[in-house]
Amino acid sequence: MRDWMGRNLHYLRLSLTERCNLKCIYCREETDFCKAKQELNLRELTQLMNVMVRLGVTKVRLTGGEPLVRKDLEQIIHMVSGYTQIQDLSMTTNAQGLCDRIQQLHQAGLQRVNISMDSLDQERYRRMTRGGDLQQVLNGIDAALREDMQVKINVVLVRSENDNEIDDFIALAKEYPVDVRFIELMPFSALGTQNDQRVLGSDVLKLHPELTAVAPRYASQPSEDYTGTDFKGRIGFINPVSHKFCKNCNRVRITGDGRLRMCLGRDEETDLRPYLRQYPEQLYDVVRSAMYHKPEKHAFEQAYRAARAMNQIGG
């Protein structure tokens, strides 16, 4: 459907949980505790998908938290992929344990994976994720490529933390058929509010004039894509803070606890649980109204600090 600005909202970021087996430094604080009791079950997720498909959603990305902590993930993927209207089904994951499940997930209908990997150094990766195993990520990437799935690697750049690995990540996209996307630090943790920690995509491009712009893979994507001579993959830059792409935004979010969030950089949410559990006949109209009134733009540049951590919202 189209909102009041005429934007075609057909992309759903569906968070399955706020739980995660990692505590990445830019996502949430180390002391945050994640709850499972408010997660939507398969029946409620199906109710939501029925409504979202009626409203024109054709693309879904499953997010978290970490989707792999859901034991019923394969059933959820099978449910979502069963809608003929859904043309693209992907998942964002930290890949801890992905290797063991990727074949089943692919068979259930998962088409693409976005894998978070903020360092190629084991010790730095463990520090940035507060406990992650880099080898599991590498195994997951390898397994996904063997399944002939499109793989995107998400790298949140943090100055004086992992920005000295930029060349190594670019080399990764040259050697393998993967998209490496450098993502600006956003204000979802105390670290994210420190502007001097943010690395701009323009700074990276100045140091790598050999990269040339290429056409986007799909319309309205947030990433500006580049490639180089003999590259098997791509380099992408997602710059939500320094370069707004709000006028072309085509996405809406549903959080793991059932709240409809129209903008990543705004705190306004609509709690859908009462309509899922008590007033299902009103669910369609409530969702449609919220989508129509999607905010014009985010507030990242207004000293904004999100009221909820990234794992609670969904990537």
Protein backbone atom coordinates (compact mmCIF):
# COMPACT_ATOMS: atom_id res chain seq x y z
CA MET A 1 0.00 0.00 0.00
CA ARG A 2 1.00 3.64 -0.31
CA ASP A 3 1.36 5.99 2.63
CA TRP A 4 0.42 9.67 2.79
CA MET A 5 3.66 10.57 0.96
CA GLY A 6 3.02 8.08 -1.83
CA ARG A 7 5.74 5.65 -0.73
CA ASN A 8 4.98 2.04 -1.65
CA LEU A 9 5.33 0.11 1.63
CA HIS A 10 5.89 -3.48 0.55
CA TYR A 11 8.88 -4.56 2.68
CA LEU A 12 8.36 -6.07 6.15
CA ARG A 13 11.15 -6.49 8.69
CA LEU A 14 9.63 -9.15 10.94
CA SER A 15 11.49 -9.60 14.22
CA LEU A 16 10.95 -13.03 15.75
CA THR A 17 12.56 -12.40 19.11
CA GLU A 18 14.53 -9.90 21.15
CA ARG A 19 16.64 -12.74 22.55
CA CYS A 20 20.19 -13.05 21.28
CA ASN A 21 23.17 -15.21 22.14
CA LEU A 22 25.50 -12.21 21.68
CA LYS A 23 25.64 -8.67 23.09
CA CYS A 24 27.23 -6.62 20.32
CA ILE A 25 28.59 -3.31 21.60
CA TYR A 26 26.55 -1.18 19.17
CA CYS A 27 23.29 -3.09 19.65
CA ARG A 28 22.59 -3.22 23.40
CA GLU A 29 24.20 -2.80 26.75
CA GLU A 30 25.99 -5.70 28.40
CA THR A 31 23.57 -5.76 31.33
CA ASP A 32 20.41 -5.91 29.20
CA PHE A 33 18.24 -8.98 29.80
CA CYS A 34 16.12 -10.39 26.99
CA LYS A 35 12.68 -11.88 27.66
CA ALA A 36 11.02 -14.68 25.69
CA LYS A 37 7.53 -14.63 27.22
CA GLN A 38 6.21 -11.82 25.02
CA GLU A 39 7.27 -13.38 21.71
CA LEU A 40 4.55 -13.94 19.14
CA ASN A 41 3.77 -17.59 18.45
CA LEU A 42 3.38 -19.19 15.04
CA ARG A 43 -0.38 -18.66 15.01
CA GLU A 44 -0.03 -14.94 15.78
CA LEU A 45 2.73 -14.54 13.20
CA THR A 46 0.44 -16.17 10.65
CA GLN A 47 -2.35 -13.72 11.56
CA LEU A 48 0.05 -10.85 10.95
CA MET A 49 1.27 -12.24 7.65
CA ASN A 50 -2.32 -12.59 6.45
CA VAL A 51 -2.82 -8.88 7.07
CA MET A 52 0.55 -7.75 5.68
CA VAL A 53 0.05 -9.69 2.46
CA ARG A 54 -3.41 -8.14 2.05
CA LEU A 55 -1.74 -4.73 2.41
CA GLY A 56 0.73 -5.45 -0.38
CA VAL A 57 3.85 -6.78 1.33
CA THR A 58 5.96 -8.76 -1.16
CA LYS A 59 9.30 -8.85 0.64
CA VAL A 60 10.10 -10.09 4.14
CA ARG A 61 13.28 -10.17 6.18
CA LEU A 62 13.27 -12.14 9.41
CA THR A 63 15.27 -10.44 12.14
CA GLY A 64 15.83 -10.33 15.89
CA GLY A 65 17.53 -10.43 18.34
CA GLU A 66 18.77 -13.62 16.77
CA PRO A 67 16.22 -15.62 14.74
CA LEU A 68 18.20 -18.83 15.22
CA VAL A 69 17.24 -18.95 18.91
CA ARG A 70 13.67 -19.77 17.80
CA LYS A 71 13.29 -23.54 17.74
CA ASP A 72 10.35 -23.16 15.36
CA LEU A 73 12.28 -21.03 12.86
CA GLU A 74 11.94 -23.59 10.07
CA GLN A 75 8.15 -23.68 10.55
CA ILE A 76 8.00 -19.87 10.49
CA ILE A 77 10.00 -19.72 7.27
CA HIS A 78 7.80 -22.39 5.70
CA MET A 79 4.72 -20.39 6.68
CA VAL A 80 5.99 -17.10 5.26
CA SER A 81 7.34 -18.64 2.06
CA GLY A 82 3.98 -20.31 1.50
CA TYR A 83 2.41 -16.99 0.47
CA THR A 84 2.68 -16.71 -3.30
CA GLN A 85 2.77 -12.93 -2.92
CA ILE A 86 6.11 -13.09 -1.06
CA GLN A 87 8.78 -12.79 -3.74
CA ASP A 88 11.81 -12.34 -1.47
CA LEU A 89 12.43 -13.96 1.92
CA SER A 90 15.70 -13.31 3.74
CA MET A 91 17.06 -13.40 7.29
CA THR A 92 19.55 -11.38 9.31
CA THR A 93 21.67 -13.51 11.62
CA ASN A 94 24.88 -13.53 13.61
CA ALA A 95 25.45 -17.04 12.22
CA GLN A 96 26.19 -18.67 15.58
CA GLY A 97 24.93 -22.16 14.73
CA LEU A 98 23.83 -21.28 11.19
CA CYS A 99 25.98 -23.95 9.57
CA ASP A 100 24.00 -26.73 11.26
CA ARG A 101 20.60 -25.41 10.11
CA ILE A 102 21.15 -23.62 6.81
CA GLN A 103 20.14 -26.58 4.64
CA GLN A 104 16.84 -27.01 6.47
CA LEU A 105 16.19 -23.26 6.41
CA HIS A 106 16.86 -23.14 2.68
CA GLN A 107 14.56 -26.10 2.06
CA ALA A 108 11.86 -24.37 4.11
CA GLY A 109 11.97 -21.39 1.74
CA LEU A 110 14.72 -19.02 2.93
CA GLN A 111 16.34 -17.39 -0.10
CA ARG A 112 19.04 -15.06 1.24
CA VAL A 113 21.02 -14.39 4.42
CA ASN A 114 22.47 -11.19 5.84
CA ILE A 115 25.26 -12.16 8.21
CA SER A 116 26.68 -9.81 10.84
CA MET A 117 30.47 -10.01 11.01
CA ASP A 118 32.19 -6.91 12.37
CA SER A 119 35.73 -8.25 12.47
CA LEU A 120 37.91 -10.86 10.79
CA ASP A 121 40.08 -11.10 13.88
CA GLN A 122 38.90 -13.68 16.41
CA GLU A 123 39.81 -11.73 19.53
CA ARG A 124 38.34 -8.46 18.28
CA TYR A 125 35.21 -10.25 17.09
CA ARG A 126 34.80 -11.86 20.52
CA ARG A 127 35.23 -8.45 22.19
CA MET A 128 32.81 -6.60 19.90
CA THR A 129 30.15 -9.29 20.22
CA ARG A 130 30.92 -10.04 23.87
CA GLY A 131 31.46 -13.73 23.38
CA GLY A 132 30.93 -14.66 19.72
CA ASP A 133 32.84 -17.35 17.83
CA LEU A 134 34.19 -16.04 14.51
CA GLN A 135 34.76 -19.54 13.15
CA GLN A 136 31.05 -20.27 13.40
CA VAL A 137 30.36 -17.20 11.28
CA LEU A 138 32.87 -18.26 8.64
CA ASN A 139 31.41 -21.76 8.63
CA GLY A 140 27.93 -20.30 8.21
CA ILE A 141 28.98 -18.15 5.27
CA ASP A 142 30.64 -21.13 3.60
CA ALA A 143 27.57 -23.30 4.16
CA ALA A 144 25.22 -20.66 2.74
CA LEU A 145 27.38 -20.27 -0.37
CA ARG A 146 27.39 -24.05 -0.82
CA GLU A 147 23.59 -23.85 -0.75
CA ASP A 148 23.90 -21.35 -3.62
CA MET A 149 22.26 -18.63 -1.51
CA GLN A 150 22.97 -14.92 -1.84
CA VAL A 151 25.07 -13.78 1.11
CA LYS A 152 25.42 -10.24 2.42
CA ILE A 153 27.90 -9.48 5.19
CA ASN A 154 27.00 -6.58 7.48
CA VAL A 155 29.89 -4.67 9.07
CA VAL A 156 29.11 -1.90 11.55
CA LEU A 157 32.16 0.34 11.46
CA VAL A 158 33.37 1.76 14.78
CA ARG A 159 36.30 4.18 14.76
CA SER A 160 39.40 2.92 16.57
CA GLU A 161 37.74 -0.48 16.92
CA ASN A 162 37.47 -2.21 13.55
CA ASP A 163 38.08 0.55 10.98
CA ASN A 164 41.59 -0.77 10.40
CA GLU A 165 40.01 -3.86 8.82
CA ILE A 166 38.24 -2.04 6.00
CA ASP A 167 40.81 -3.15 3.42
CA ASP A 168 40.44 -6.77 4.54
CA PHE A 169 36.67 -6.67 4.12
CA ILE A 170 36.99 -5.11 0.69
CA ALA A 171 39.36 -7.92 -0.24
CA LEU A 172 36.70 -10.39 0.90
CA ALA A 173 34.24 -9.00 -1.65
CA LYS A 174 36.88 -9.24 -4.34
CA GLU A 175 37.67 -12.88 -3.65
CA TYR A 176 34.17 -14.23 -2.89
CA PRO A 177 30.67 -13.69 -4.37
CA VAL A 178 29.37 -11.81 -1.34
CA ASP A 179 28.13 -8.28 -0.72
CA VAL A 180 30.07 -6.60 2.09
CA ARG A 181 28.05 -3.68 3.45
CA PHE A 182 29.58 -1.07 5.71
CA ILE A 183 26.90 0.31 8.04
CA GLU A 184 27.08 3.59 9.94
CA LEU A 185 26.95 3.42 13.70
CA MET A 186 23.43 4.30 14.87
CA PRO A 187 22.20 5.54 18.31
CA PHE A 188 20.90 2.29 19.79
CA SER A 189 23.44 2.03 22.59
CA ALA A 190 25.63 4.44 24.53
CA LEU A 191 28.38 3.80 21.97
CA GLY A 192 26.08 4.74 19.11
CA THR A 193 25.49 8.23 20.48
CA GLN A 194 29.19 9.12 20.19
CA ASN A 195 29.52 10.84 16.84
CA ASP A 196 33.31 10.69 16.94
CA GLN A 197 33.03 6.89 16.79
CA ARG A 198 31.12 6.99 13.51
CA VAL A 199 32.95 6.15 10.28
CA LEU A 200 31.39 7.71 7.18
CA GLY A 201 31.08 5.84 3.93
CA SER A 202 32.49 8.88 2.14
CA ASP A 203 35.68 8.56 4.19
CA VAL A 204 36.12 4.98 3.02
CA LEU A 205 35.52 5.90 -0.61
CA LYS A 206 38.18 8.63 -0.48
CA LEU A 207 40.71 5.98 0.50
CA HIS A 208 39.52 3.58 -2.20
CA PRO A 209 39.14 5.46 -5.50
CA GLU A 210 39.36 2.12 -7.31
CA LEU A 211 35.76 1.39 -6.29
CA THR A 212 33.17 2.38 -8.89
CA ALA A 213 29.43 2.81 -8.38
CA VAL A 214 27.06 0.18 -9.79
CA ALA A 215 23.30 0.04 -10.17
CA PRO A 216 21.38 -1.12 -7.08
CA ARG A 217 20.17 -4.70 -6.95
CA TYR A 218 16.63 -3.47 -6.34
CA ALA A 219 14.77 -0.17 -6.16
CA SER A 220 14.64 1.68 -2.84
CA GLN A 221 17.50 -0.26 -1.29
CA PRO A 222 19.35 1.73 1.40
CA SER A 223 22.76 0.56 0.24
CA GLU A 224 24.86 2.47 -2.29
CA ASP A 225 26.78 -0.24 -4.11
CA TYR A 226 30.28 -0.31 -5.58
CA THR A 227 32.57 -2.81 -7.20
CA GLY A 228 36.11 -2.99 -8.55
CA THR A 229 38.14 -4.73 -11.19
CA ASP A 230 37.86 -8.54 -10.99
CA PHE A 231 35.53 -8.35 -7.99
CA LYS A 232 33.28 -11.38 -7.47
CA GLY A 233 31.11 -9.46 -5.02
CA ARG A 234 30.12 -5.93 -4.10
CA ILE A 235 30.84 -3.27 -1.52
CA GLY A 236 27.84 -1.43 -0.12
CA PHE A 237 27.47 1.62 2.12
CA ILE A 238 24.42 2.13 4.33
CA ASN A 239 24.54 5.64 5.76
CA PRO A 240 21.27 6.28 7.62
CA VAL A 241 22.66 9.07 9.78
CA SER A 242 24.73 11.12 7.35
CA HIS A 243 22.61 10.50 4.24
CA LYS A 244 18.87 10.16 4.69
CA PHE A 245 17.01 7.84 2.33
CA CYS A 246 13.63 8.40 4.02
CA LYS A 247 11.85 9.66 0.91
CA ASN A 248 12.34 6.25 -0.71
CA CYS A 249 11.81 4.12 2.41
CA ASN A 250 9.56 1.17 1.64
CA ARG A 251 9.78 -0.76 4.93
CA VAL A 252 7.83 -1.29 8.11
CA ARG A 253 8.86 -3.24 11.20
CA ILE A 254 7.13 -5.58 13.60
CA THR A 255 9.05 -6.16 16.82
CA GLY A 256 9.47 -9.49 18.56
CA ASP A 257 6.82 -8.53 21.11
CA GLY A 258 4.27 -7.56 18.48
CA ARG A 259 4.63 -3.82 18.07
CA LEU A 260 4.33 -2.18 14.67
CA ARG A 261 7.12 0.35 14.21
CA MET A 262 7.01 2.53 11.13
CA CYS A 263 10.46 4.09 11.40
CA LEU A 264 13.72 2.77 12.84
CA GLY A 265 14.67 6.29 13.93
CA ARG A 266 11.40 7.14 15.69
CA ASP A 267 10.08 5.66 18.94
CA GLU A 268 6.37 5.66 18.04
CA GLU A 269 4.93 2.13 18.00
CA THR A 270 1.51 0.47 17.81
CA ASP A 271 0.96 -2.52 20.09
CA LEU A 272 -0.72 -5.19 17.97
CA ARG A 273 -1.06 -7.83 20.67
CA PRO A 274 -4.53 -6.73 21.88
CA TYR A 275 -5.80 -7.00 18.29
CA LEU A 276 -4.14 -10.36 17.76
CA ARG A 277 -5.53 -11.81 20.98
CA GLN A 278 -8.78 -9.98 21.71
CA TYR A 279 -9.94 -7.92 18.73
CA PRO A 280 -8.70 -9.70 15.58
CA GLU A 281 -11.46 -8.15 13.48
CA GLN A 282 -9.81 -4.74 14.02
CA LEU A 283 -6.25 -5.82 13.18
CA TYR A 284 -6.34 -4.98 9.47
CA ASP A 285 -7.68 -1.45 9.98
CA VAL A 286 -5.21 -0.69 12.80
CA VAL A 287 -2.21 -1.83 10.75
CA ARG A 288 -3.43 -0.05 7.62
CA SER A 289 -3.88 3.24 9.48
CA ALA A 290 -0.43 3.06 11.06
CA MET A 291 1.20 2.30 7.71
CA TYR A 292 -0.60 5.17 6.01
CA HIS A 293 0.72 7.59 8.66
CA LYS A 294 4.36 6.48 8.41
CA PRO A 295 6.58 9.41 9.54
CA GLU A 296 8.17 11.53 6.87
CA LYS A 297 11.72 11.06 8.16
CA HIS A 298 13.81 9.74 11.02
CA ALA A 299 15.32 11.76 13.87
CA PHE A 300 18.88 10.42 13.96
CA GLU A 301 20.39 13.87 13.44
CA GLN A 302 18.40 15.41 16.33
CA ALA A 303 20.49 13.97 19.19
CA TYR A 304 18.12 11.02 19.10
CA ARG A 305 18.72 8.03 21.39
CA ALA A 306 16.36 5.13 20.83
CA ALA A 307 14.16 4.20 23.79
CA ARG A 308 14.67 0.54 22.98
CA ALA A 309 17.84 -1.33 22.06
CA MET A 310 18.34 -2.62 18.54
CA ASN A 311 17.69 -6.23 19.49
CA GLN A 312 14.29 -5.17 20.88
CA ILE A 313 13.34 -3.40 17.65
CA GLY A 314 14.69 -5.74 15.01
CA GLY A 315 17.31 -5.01 12.36
